[in-house]
Amino acid sequence: MATTPAPLVGIIMGSDSDWPLLQKGVEVLKDFGVPFEVRVMSAHRTPELASAYAAEAEKRGLQVLISAAGGAAHLGGVLAAHTVLPVIGVPVAGGAVNGLDSLLATIQMPAGIPVATVTLGSAGPVNAALVAVQILALSDTGLRKKLHAYKDKLRRKVAEGDARVQAEVAKLGCRLQAVG
């Protein structure tokens, strides 16, 4: 029976309702072949669990933590307070101010307790996973090669989109402007 590689990234969400959003980031980690684990714990409802998780993460071989929370969104800060590992915060939209409270709570960390913060919305978990991959790629040339290929794929996708739009514009009889 094949053994599962030890997780390098811990994905922690404040509520299981955050799971549908975080699955996009999980897919990125799977695509890059980065082993991960996913947990639900709360800075407010299970603070001892969140603190212990962060304090033990390094000893267990984790290298990056991704924290997603809405509302008061203190989970990233609680994790960062108890570990030296990089913590990437994903503010979750919702509530009375549609995630502004989550964004502000995630980015407003005191000096010495950094939480790198990504955007609200569906791009947030994707970017958090990509930042985690970039961190891991600093010491993994195989991952770095995969990142280069990923960026090349993004460039090709834009070039293909531009070609489609330019073909439509040409049908309208407009002059095309060459760039580059």
N, C-alpha and C. Protein backbone atom coordinates (compact mmCIF):
# COMPACT_ATOMS: atom_id res chain seq x y z
N MET A 1 0.84 -1.17 0.00
CA MET A 1 0.00 0.00 0.00
C MET A 1 0.89 1.25 0.00
N ALA A 2 0.57 2.22 -0.86
CA ALA A 2 1.35 3.45 -0.97
C ALA A 2 1.13 4.32 0.26
N THR A 3 2.20 4.94 0.69
CA THR A 3 2.08 5.85 1.84
C THR A 3 1.79 7.26 1.34
N THR A 4 1.01 7.97 2.11
CA THR A 4 0.68 9.36 1.78
C THR A 4 1.82 10.23 2.28
N PRO A 5 2.33 11.14 1.45
CA PRO A 5 3.41 12.01 1.91
C PRO A 5 2.92 12.92 3.04
N ALA A 6 3.83 13.24 3.93
CA ALA A 6 3.50 14.13 5.05
C ALA A 6 3.10 15.49 4.51
N PRO A 7 2.08 16.10 5.09
CA PRO A 7 1.64 17.41 4.61
C PRO A 7 2.69 18.48 4.84
N LEU A 8 2.80 19.38 3.86
CA LEU A 8 3.69 20.53 3.98
C LEU A 8 2.91 21.81 4.25
N VAL A 9 1.64 21.82 3.87
CA VAL A 9 0.78 23.00 4.04
C VAL A 9 -0.41 22.61 4.90
N GLY A 10 -0.68 23.42 5.89
CA GLY A 10 -1.88 23.25 6.70
C GLY A 10 -2.90 24.30 6.31
N ILE A 11 -4.09 23.86 5.95
CA ILE A 11 -5.19 24.77 5.61
C ILE A 11 -6.17 24.73 6.77
N ILE A 12 -6.36 25.86 7.41
CA ILE A 12 -7.21 25.94 8.59
C ILE A 12 -8.32 26.94 8.32
N MET A 13 -9.54 26.52 8.53
CA MET A 13 -10.68 27.41 8.32
C MET A 13 -11.45 27.55 9.62
N GLY A 14 -12.04 28.72 9.80
CA GLY A 14 -12.77 29.02 11.02
C GLY A 14 -14.11 28.33 11.11
N SER A 15 -14.64 27.89 9.98
CA SER A 15 -15.95 27.25 9.94
C SER A 15 -16.01 26.33 8.73
N ASP A 16 -16.77 25.24 8.86
CA ASP A 16 -16.91 24.35 7.71
C ASP A 16 -17.64 25.02 6.56
N SER A 17 -18.32 26.13 6.83
CA SER A 17 -18.99 26.86 5.74
C SER A 17 -17.98 27.52 4.80
N ASP A 18 -16.72 27.60 5.21
CA ASP A 18 -15.66 28.16 4.37
C ASP A 18 -15.11 27.13 3.37
N TRP A 19 -15.44 25.87 3.56
CA TRP A 19 -14.90 24.79 2.72
C TRP A 19 -15.15 24.98 1.23
N PRO A 20 -16.37 25.31 0.79
CA PRO A 20 -16.56 25.47 -0.66
C PRO A 20 -15.62 26.51 -1.28
N LEU A 21 -15.33 27.57 -0.57
CA LEU A 21 -14.40 28.59 -1.06
C LEU A 21 -12.98 28.05 -1.10
N LEU A 22 -12.56 27.35 -0.06
CA LEU A 22 -11.18 26.89 0.05
C LEU A 22 -10.84 25.74 -0.91
N GLN A 23 -11.84 25.07 -1.43
CA GLN A 23 -11.56 23.97 -2.35
C GLN A 23 -10.78 24.43 -3.57
N LYS A 24 -10.95 25.68 -3.98
CA LYS A 24 -10.19 26.19 -5.12
C LYS A 24 -8.69 26.21 -4.82
N GLY A 25 -8.33 26.56 -3.61
CA GLY A 25 -6.92 26.52 -3.21
C GLY A 25 -6.39 25.11 -3.08
N VAL A 26 -7.23 24.22 -2.57
CA VAL A 26 -6.86 22.82 -2.46
C VAL A 26 -6.54 22.24 -3.83
N GLU A 27 -7.34 22.60 -4.83
CA GLU A 27 -7.08 22.12 -6.19
C GLU A 27 -5.73 22.59 -6.71
N VAL A 28 -5.35 23.83 -6.37
CA VAL A 28 -4.04 24.34 -6.79
C VAL A 28 -2.94 23.51 -6.16
N LEU A 29 -3.04 23.25 -4.86
CA LEU A 29 -2.01 22.45 -4.19
C LEU A 29 -1.95 21.05 -4.79
N LYS A 30 -3.10 20.46 -5.08
CA LYS A 30 -3.11 19.13 -5.70
C LYS A 30 -2.45 19.17 -7.07
N ASP A 31 -2.75 20.21 -7.87
CA ASP A 31 -2.16 20.33 -9.21
C ASP A 31 -0.63 20.43 -9.15
N PHE A 32 -0.12 21.07 -8.12
CA PHE A 32 1.33 21.20 -7.97
C PHE A 32 1.95 20.01 -7.24
N GLY A 33 1.12 19.09 -6.76
CA GLY A 33 1.64 17.92 -6.06
C GLY A 33 2.13 18.22 -4.66
N VAL A 34 1.59 19.26 -4.04
CA VAL A 34 1.99 19.65 -2.69
C VAL A 34 1.06 18.98 -1.68
N PRO A 35 1.60 18.15 -0.78
CA PRO A 35 0.76 17.51 0.22
C PRO A 35 0.27 18.52 1.26
N PHE A 36 -0.96 18.35 1.69
CA PHE A 36 -1.58 19.31 2.60
C PHE A 36 -2.54 18.59 3.54
N GLU A 37 -2.95 19.29 4.56
CA GLU A 37 -4.02 18.83 5.44
C GLU A 37 -5.00 19.96 5.62
N VAL A 38 -6.23 19.62 5.95
CA VAL A 38 -7.29 20.62 6.11
C VAL A 38 -7.96 20.40 7.45
N ARG A 39 -8.13 21.49 8.19
CA ARG A 39 -8.77 21.42 9.51
C ARG A 39 -9.74 22.57 9.68
N VAL A 40 -10.73 22.36 10.57
CA VAL A 40 -11.65 23.42 10.99
C VAL A 40 -11.38 23.67 12.46
N MET A 41 -11.07 24.93 12.78
CA MET A 41 -10.91 25.33 14.18
C MET A 41 -11.12 26.84 14.25
N SER A 42 -11.48 27.30 15.40
CA SER A 42 -11.88 28.70 15.55
C SER A 42 -11.00 29.42 16.55
N ALA A 43 -10.65 30.65 16.22
CA ALA A 43 -9.89 31.48 17.14
C ALA A 43 -10.71 31.81 18.39
N HIS A 44 -12.02 31.80 18.26
CA HIS A 44 -12.88 32.20 19.37
C HIS A 44 -13.59 31.03 20.04
N ARG A 45 -13.99 30.03 19.26
CA ARG A 45 -14.74 28.92 19.85
C ARG A 45 -13.84 27.77 20.28
N THR A 46 -12.67 27.62 19.66
CA THR A 46 -11.70 26.59 20.06
C THR A 46 -10.29 27.19 20.10
N PRO A 47 -10.08 28.23 20.90
CA PRO A 47 -8.77 28.89 20.89
C PRO A 47 -7.62 27.99 21.33
N GLU A 48 -7.86 27.08 22.26
CA GLU A 48 -6.79 26.18 22.71
C GLU A 48 -6.37 25.26 21.57
N LEU A 49 -7.34 24.75 20.80
CA LEU A 49 -7.04 23.88 19.68
C LEU A 49 -6.23 24.63 18.62
N ALA A 50 -6.64 25.85 18.29
CA ALA A 50 -5.92 26.64 17.28
C ALA A 50 -4.50 26.93 17.74
N SER A 51 -4.33 27.28 18.99
CA SER A 51 -3.00 27.57 19.52
C SER A 51 -2.11 26.34 19.50
N ALA A 52 -2.65 25.20 19.94
CA ALA A 52 -1.87 23.96 19.96
C ALA A 52 -1.51 23.52 18.54
N TYR A 53 -2.43 23.64 17.62
CA TYR A 53 -2.18 23.27 16.23
C TYR A 53 -0.98 24.07 15.70
N ALA A 54 -1.02 25.38 15.88
CA ALA A 54 0.06 26.22 15.38
C ALA A 54 1.38 25.92 16.08
N ALA A 55 1.34 25.71 17.39
CA ALA A 55 2.56 25.44 18.15
C ALA A 55 3.22 24.13 17.74
N GLU A 56 2.43 23.15 17.31
CA GLU A 56 2.95 21.84 16.94
C GLU A 56 3.22 21.69 15.44
N ALA A 57 2.78 22.65 14.64
CA ALA A 57 2.85 22.53 13.18
C ALA A 57 4.28 22.32 12.68
N GLU A 58 5.21 23.08 13.16
CA GLU A 58 6.59 22.98 12.69
C GLU A 58 7.17 21.61 13.03
N LYS A 59 6.95 21.12 14.23
CA LYS A 59 7.47 19.81 14.64
C LYS A 59 6.88 18.69 13.78
N ARG A 60 5.66 18.89 13.30
CA ARG A 60 5.01 17.87 12.48
C ARG A 60 5.42 17.95 11.01
N GLY A 61 6.26 18.92 10.65
CA GLY A 61 6.77 19.01 9.29
C GLY A 61 6.03 19.98 8.38
N LEU A 62 5.02 20.64 8.90
CA LEU A 62 4.36 21.65 8.08
C LEU A 62 5.33 22.79 7.82
N GLN A 63 5.19 23.44 6.67
CA GLN A 63 6.08 24.55 6.33
C GLN A 63 5.35 25.86 6.10
N VAL A 64 4.06 25.79 5.80
CA VAL A 64 3.25 26.98 5.56
C VAL A 64 1.85 26.71 6.09
N LEU A 65 1.24 27.74 6.68
CA LEU A 65 -0.15 27.64 7.12
C LEU A 65 -1.00 28.61 6.32
N ILE A 66 -2.16 28.16 5.87
CA ILE A 66 -3.14 29.01 5.21
C ILE A 66 -4.35 29.08 6.14
N SER A 67 -4.74 30.28 6.49
CA SER A 67 -5.84 30.49 7.43
C SER A 67 -6.96 31.23 6.74
N ALA A 68 -8.18 30.69 6.82
CA ALA A 68 -9.34 31.37 6.24
C ALA A 68 -10.38 31.59 7.31
N ALA A 69 -10.85 32.82 7.40
CA ALA A 69 -11.88 33.13 8.39
C ALA A 69 -12.67 34.36 7.95
N GLY A 70 -13.91 34.39 8.37
CA GLY A 70 -14.76 35.54 8.10
C GLY A 70 -15.03 36.29 9.39
N GLY A 71 -15.85 37.29 9.29
CA GLY A 71 -16.21 38.07 10.48
C GLY A 71 -15.01 38.72 11.11
N ALA A 72 -14.81 38.46 12.40
CA ALA A 72 -13.70 39.07 13.13
C ALA A 72 -12.35 38.55 12.63
N ALA A 73 -12.31 37.37 12.04
CA ALA A 73 -11.14 36.82 11.34
C ALA A 73 -9.84 36.89 12.12
N HIS A 74 -9.85 36.46 13.35
CA HIS A 74 -8.65 36.47 14.17
C HIS A 74 -7.82 35.19 14.06
N LEU A 75 -8.30 34.22 13.30
CA LEU A 75 -7.63 32.92 13.24
C LEU A 75 -6.19 33.03 12.75
N GLY A 76 -5.95 33.78 11.69
CA GLY A 76 -4.59 33.93 11.18
C GLY A 76 -3.64 34.50 12.22
N GLY A 77 -4.09 35.50 12.94
CA GLY A 77 -3.26 36.10 13.98
C GLY A 77 -2.98 35.16 15.13
N VAL A 78 -3.98 34.38 15.52
CA VAL A 78 -3.78 33.40 16.59
C VAL A 78 -2.76 32.36 16.16
N LEU A 79 -2.88 31.88 14.94
CA LEU A 79 -1.91 30.91 14.45
C LEU A 79 -0.51 31.52 14.39
N ALA A 80 -0.41 32.72 13.83
CA ALA A 80 0.89 33.39 13.69
C ALA A 80 1.54 33.67 15.05
N ALA A 81 0.73 33.89 16.06
CA ALA A 81 1.26 34.17 17.40
C ALA A 81 1.93 32.95 18.01
N HIS A 82 1.60 31.76 17.50
CA HIS A 82 2.08 30.53 18.11
C HIS A 82 3.02 29.72 17.22
N THR A 83 3.51 30.30 16.13
CA THR A 83 4.42 29.58 15.25
C THR A 83 5.38 30.54 14.58
N VAL A 84 6.49 30.00 14.08
CA VAL A 84 7.42 30.79 13.27
C VAL A 84 7.19 30.52 11.78
N LEU A 85 6.27 29.62 11.47
CA LEU A 85 5.95 29.33 10.07
C LEU A 85 5.23 30.50 9.42
N PRO A 86 5.38 30.66 8.11
CA PRO A 86 4.61 31.70 7.44
C PRO A 86 3.11 31.36 7.48
N VAL A 87 2.31 32.38 7.75
CA VAL A 87 0.86 32.24 7.77
C VAL A 87 0.28 33.15 6.69
N ILE A 88 -0.56 32.56 5.85
CA ILE A 88 -1.21 33.31 4.77
C ILE A 88 -2.69 33.39 5.12
N GLY A 89 -3.20 34.60 5.25
CA GLY A 89 -4.59 34.79 5.62
C GLY A 89 -5.49 34.97 4.41
N VAL A 90 -6.61 34.27 4.42
CA VAL A 90 -7.64 34.40 3.39
C VAL A 90 -8.88 34.99 4.06
N PRO A 91 -9.14 36.29 3.86
CA PRO A 91 -10.36 36.85 4.43
C PRO A 91 -11.58 36.33 3.67
N VAL A 92 -12.59 35.93 4.41
CA VAL A 92 -13.79 35.35 3.80
C VAL A 92 -14.90 36.39 3.77
N ALA A 93 -15.43 36.63 2.58
CA ALA A 93 -16.51 37.61 2.41
C ALA A 93 -17.79 37.10 3.05
N GLY A 94 -18.61 38.03 3.47
CA GLY A 94 -19.90 37.70 4.07
C GLY A 94 -20.22 38.69 5.18
N GLY A 95 -21.30 38.44 5.86
CA GLY A 95 -21.67 39.27 6.99
C GLY A 95 -22.21 40.62 6.58
N ALA A 96 -22.36 41.48 7.56
CA ALA A 96 -23.00 42.77 7.38
C ALA A 96 -22.24 43.69 6.42
N VAL A 97 -20.92 43.57 6.37
CA VAL A 97 -20.14 44.46 5.51
C VAL A 97 -19.41 43.69 4.41
N ASN A 98 -19.94 42.53 4.07
CA ASN A 98 -19.48 41.73 2.94
C ASN A 98 -17.98 41.45 2.93
N GLY A 99 -17.41 41.17 4.10
CA GLY A 99 -16.02 40.77 4.18
C GLY A 99 -15.03 41.86 4.51
N LEU A 100 -15.46 43.11 4.52
CA LEU A 100 -14.53 44.19 4.87
C LEU A 100 -13.98 43.98 6.28
N ASP A 101 -14.83 43.55 7.21
CA ASP A 101 -14.38 43.28 8.58
C ASP A 101 -13.33 42.17 8.60
N SER A 102 -13.56 41.13 7.80
CA SER A 102 -12.62 40.03 7.72
C SER A 102 -11.28 40.48 7.13
N LEU A 103 -11.34 41.26 6.07
CA LEU A 103 -10.13 41.78 5.44
C LEU A 103 -9.33 42.63 6.42
N LEU A 104 -9.99 43.56 7.07
CA LEU A 104 -9.29 44.44 8.01
C LEU A 104 -8.72 43.67 9.20
N ALA A 105 -9.48 42.71 9.71
CA ALA A 105 -8.98 41.92 10.84
C ALA A 105 -7.77 41.09 10.45
N THR A 106 -7.74 40.62 9.22
CA THR A 106 -6.64 39.77 8.77
C THR A 106 -5.38 40.58 8.50
N ILE A 107 -5.52 41.79 7.96
CA ILE A 107 -4.32 42.56 7.62
C ILE A 107 -3.79 43.42 8.78
N GLN A 108 -4.60 43.66 9.77
CA GLN A 108 -4.17 44.56 10.85
C GLN A 108 -3.54 43.78 12.00
N MET A 109 -2.38 43.24 11.74
CA MET A 109 -1.64 42.48 12.75
C MET A 109 -0.59 43.40 13.39
N PRO A 110 -0.34 43.19 14.67
CA PRO A 110 0.70 44.00 15.33
C PRO A 110 2.09 43.58 14.85
N ALA A 111 3.04 44.47 15.00
CA ALA A 111 4.42 44.18 14.61
C ALA A 111 4.87 42.90 15.30
N GLY A 112 5.51 42.03 14.55
CA GLY A 112 6.03 40.78 15.09
C GLY A 112 5.10 39.59 14.89
N ILE A 113 3.87 39.83 14.47
CA ILE A 113 2.90 38.75 14.23
C ILE A 113 2.39 38.88 12.80
N PRO A 114 3.24 38.59 11.80
CA PRO A 114 2.82 38.80 10.41
C PRO A 114 1.84 37.75 9.91
N VAL A 115 0.88 38.22 9.16
CA VAL A 115 -0.04 37.35 8.42
C VAL A 115 -0.10 37.93 7.01
N ALA A 116 0.49 37.23 6.06
CA ALA A 116 0.42 37.67 4.67
C ALA A 116 -1.03 37.49 4.23
N THR A 117 -1.61 38.52 3.64
CA THR A 117 -3.04 38.49 3.34
C THR A 117 -3.30 38.57 1.84
N VAL A 118 -4.21 37.72 1.37
CA VAL A 118 -4.61 37.71 -0.03
C VAL A 118 -6.01 38.31 -0.14
N THR A 119 -6.53 38.34 -1.32
CA THR A 119 -7.78 39.02 -1.62
C THR A 119 -9.01 38.28 -1.12
N LEU A 120 -10.09 39.03 -0.99
CA LEU A 120 -11.41 38.46 -0.76
C LEU A 120 -11.88 37.74 -2.02
N GLY A 121 -12.83 36.87 -1.89
CA GLY A 121 -13.45 36.23 -3.04
C GLY A 121 -12.73 34.97 -3.48
N SER A 122 -13.14 34.45 -4.62
CA SER A 122 -12.65 33.16 -5.09
C SER A 122 -11.16 33.18 -5.45
N ALA A 123 -10.60 34.33 -5.75
CA ALA A 123 -9.16 34.40 -6.05
C ALA A 123 -8.32 34.24 -4.79
N GLY A 124 -8.87 34.53 -3.63
CA GLY A 124 -8.11 34.47 -2.38
C GLY A 124 -7.49 33.11 -2.11
N PRO A 125 -8.27 32.03 -2.07
CA PRO A 125 -7.67 30.72 -1.80
C PRO A 125 -6.69 30.27 -2.89
N VAL A 126 -6.96 30.63 -4.14
CA VAL A 126 -6.05 30.29 -5.23
C VAL A 126 -4.72 31.00 -5.01
N ASN A 127 -4.77 32.29 -4.72
CA ASN A 127 -3.53 33.04 -4.50
C ASN A 127 -2.81 32.59 -3.24
N ALA A 128 -3.55 32.25 -2.20
CA ALA A 128 -2.91 31.74 -0.97
C ALA A 128 -2.16 30.46 -1.27
N ALA A 129 -2.77 29.56 -2.02
CA ALA A 129 -2.11 28.30 -2.38
C ALA A 129 -0.87 28.58 -3.24
N LEU A 130 -0.99 29.52 -4.17
CA LEU A 130 0.16 29.84 -5.02
C LEU A 130 1.30 30.46 -4.21
N VAL A 131 0.98 31.30 -3.24
CA VAL A 131 2.04 31.86 -2.38
C VAL A 131 2.69 30.73 -1.58
N ALA A 132 1.90 29.80 -1.09
CA ALA A 132 2.46 28.65 -0.37
C ALA A 132 3.40 27.87 -1.28
N VAL A 133 2.99 27.64 -2.51
CA VAL A 133 3.84 26.92 -3.47
C VAL A 133 5.12 27.71 -3.74
N GLN A 134 5.01 29.02 -3.88
CA GLN A 134 6.20 29.85 -4.11
C GLN A 134 7.17 29.76 -2.93
N ILE A 135 6.64 29.76 -1.72
CA ILE A 135 7.50 29.63 -0.54
C ILE A 135 8.21 28.29 -0.56
N LEU A 136 7.47 27.23 -0.82
CA LEU A 136 8.07 25.90 -0.87
C LEU A 136 9.07 25.77 -2.01
N ALA A 137 8.81 26.46 -3.11
CA ALA A 137 9.68 26.39 -4.29
C ALA A 137 11.04 27.05 -4.06
N LEU A 138 11.18 27.83 -3.01
CA LEU A 138 12.48 28.41 -2.70
C LEU A 138 13.54 27.34 -2.44
N SER A 139 13.10 26.18 -1.97
CA SER A 139 14.04 25.09 -1.71
C SER A 139 13.69 23.82 -2.48
N ASP A 140 12.86 23.94 -3.51
CA ASP A 140 12.44 22.78 -4.29
C ASP A 140 12.43 23.16 -5.77
N THR A 141 13.48 22.76 -6.48
CA THR A 141 13.59 23.15 -7.89
C THR A 141 12.49 22.54 -8.75
N GLY A 142 12.00 21.37 -8.37
CA GLY A 142 10.90 20.77 -9.11
C GLY A 142 9.65 21.62 -9.05
N LEU A 143 9.34 22.13 -7.87
CA LEU A 143 8.19 23.04 -7.73
C LEU A 143 8.43 24.33 -8.49
N ARG A 144 9.66 24.82 -8.46
CA ARG A 144 9.97 26.06 -9.18
C ARG A 144 9.73 25.89 -10.68
N LYS A 145 10.11 24.74 -11.22
CA LYS A 145 9.87 24.45 -12.64
C LYS A 145 8.36 24.43 -12.93
N LYS A 146 7.60 23.83 -12.02
CA LYS A 146 6.14 23.79 -12.19
C LYS A 146 5.55 25.21 -12.16
N LEU A 147 6.11 26.08 -11.32
CA LEU A 147 5.64 27.47 -11.28
C LEU A 147 5.93 28.19 -12.58
N HIS A 148 7.12 27.96 -13.14
CA HIS A 148 7.44 28.57 -14.44
C HIS A 148 6.45 28.09 -15.50
N ALA A 149 6.16 26.80 -15.51
CA ALA A 149 5.20 26.25 -16.48
C ALA A 149 3.81 26.85 -16.26
N TYR A 150 3.43 27.04 -15.01
CA TYR A 150 2.13 27.63 -14.68
C TYR A 150 2.05 29.06 -15.23
N LYS A 151 3.11 29.84 -15.02
CA LYS A 151 3.13 31.22 -15.53
C LYS A 151 3.09 31.24 -17.05
N ASP A 152 3.80 30.32 -17.69
CA ASP A 152 3.76 30.22 -19.15
C ASP A 152 2.34 29.91 -19.63
N LYS A 153 1.67 29.04 -18.94
CA LYS A 153 0.28 28.70 -19.29
C LYS A 153 -0.62 29.93 -19.16
N LEU A 154 -0.42 30.72 -18.12
CA LEU A 154 -1.21 31.96 -17.96
C LEU A 154 -0.96 32.91 -19.13
N ARG A 155 0.31 33.05 -19.53
CA ARG A 155 0.65 33.94 -20.65
C ARG A 155 0.00 33.45 -21.94
N ARG A 156 0.07 32.14 -22.17
CA ARG A 156 -0.55 31.58 -23.38
C ARG A 156 -2.05 31.82 -23.39
N LYS A 157 -2.68 31.67 -22.26
CA LYS A 157 -4.13 31.87 -22.17
C LYS A 157 -4.50 33.32 -22.53
N VAL A 158 -3.72 34.28 -22.04
CA VAL A 158 -3.97 35.68 -22.37
C VAL A 158 -3.74 35.92 -23.86
N ALA A 159 -2.66 35.37 -24.41
CA ALA A 159 -2.37 35.54 -25.84
C ALA A 159 -3.48 34.95 -26.70
N GLU A 160 -3.99 33.78 -26.30
CA GLU A 160 -5.09 33.17 -27.05
C GLU A 160 -6.35 34.04 -26.96
N GLY A 161 -6.61 34.59 -25.79
CA GLY A 161 -7.76 35.48 -25.63
C GLY A 161 -7.62 36.73 -26.48
N ASP A 162 -6.42 37.28 -26.52
CA ASP A 162 -6.18 38.46 -27.34
C ASP A 162 -6.39 38.13 -28.83
N ALA A 163 -5.91 36.99 -29.26
CA ALA A 163 -6.08 36.60 -30.67
C ALA A 163 -7.56 36.47 -31.03
N ARG A 164 -8.35 35.89 -30.12
CA ARG A 164 -9.80 35.77 -30.38
C ARG A 164 -10.45 37.14 -30.48
N VAL A 165 -10.11 38.03 -29.57
CA VAL A 165 -10.70 39.38 -29.59
C VAL A 165 -10.24 40.13 -30.83
N GLN A 166 -8.96 40.01 -31.19
CA GLN A 166 -8.46 40.71 -32.37
C GLN A 166 -9.16 40.21 -33.63
N ALA A 167 -9.45 38.91 -33.70
CA ALA A 167 -10.18 38.37 -34.86
C ALA A 167 -11.58 38.97 -34.94
N GLU A 168 -12.23 39.13 -33.79
CA GLU A 168 -13.56 39.75 -33.76
C GLU A 168 -13.49 41.22 -34.16
N VAL A 169 -12.47 41.91 -33.69
CA VAL A 169 -12.30 43.33 -34.02
C VAL A 169 -12.04 43.48 -35.52
N ALA A 170 -11.24 42.59 -36.09
CA ALA A 170 -10.94 42.64 -37.53
C ALA A 170 -12.20 42.47 -38.36
N LYS A 171 -13.15 41.64 -37.88
CA LYS A 171 -14.41 41.45 -38.58
C LYS A 171 -15.23 42.74 -38.63
N LEU A 172 -14.99 43.61 -37.67
CA LEU A 172 -15.70 44.89 -37.63
C LEU A 172 -15.06 45.92 -38.55
N GLY A 173 -13.92 45.55 -39.15
CA GLY A 173 -13.24 46.47 -40.07
C GLY A 173 -12.37 47.48 -39.37
N CYS A 174 -12.01 47.22 -38.12
CA CYS A 174 -11.14 48.14 -37.38
C CYS A 174 -9.69 47.78 -37.62
N ARG A 175 -8.85 48.80 -37.54
CA ARG A 175 -7.43 48.59 -37.72
C ARG A 175 -6.84 48.05 -36.42
N LEU A 176 -5.98 47.05 -36.54
CA LEU A 176 -5.33 46.44 -35.37
C LEU A 176 -4.03 47.19 -35.08
N GLN A 177 -3.76 47.38 -33.82
CA GLN A 177 -2.54 48.05 -33.40
C GLN A 177 -1.57 47.00 -32.88
N ALA A 178 -0.41 46.89 -33.52
CA ALA A 178 0.61 45.95 -33.07
C ALA A 178 1.31 46.51 -31.84
N VAL A 179 1.54 45.65 -30.87
CA VAL A 179 2.25 46.04 -29.64
C VAL A 179 3.39 45.07 -29.43
N GLY A 180 4.52 45.61 -28.94
CA GLY A 180 5.65 44.77 -28.59
C GLY A 180 6.43 44.39 -29.74
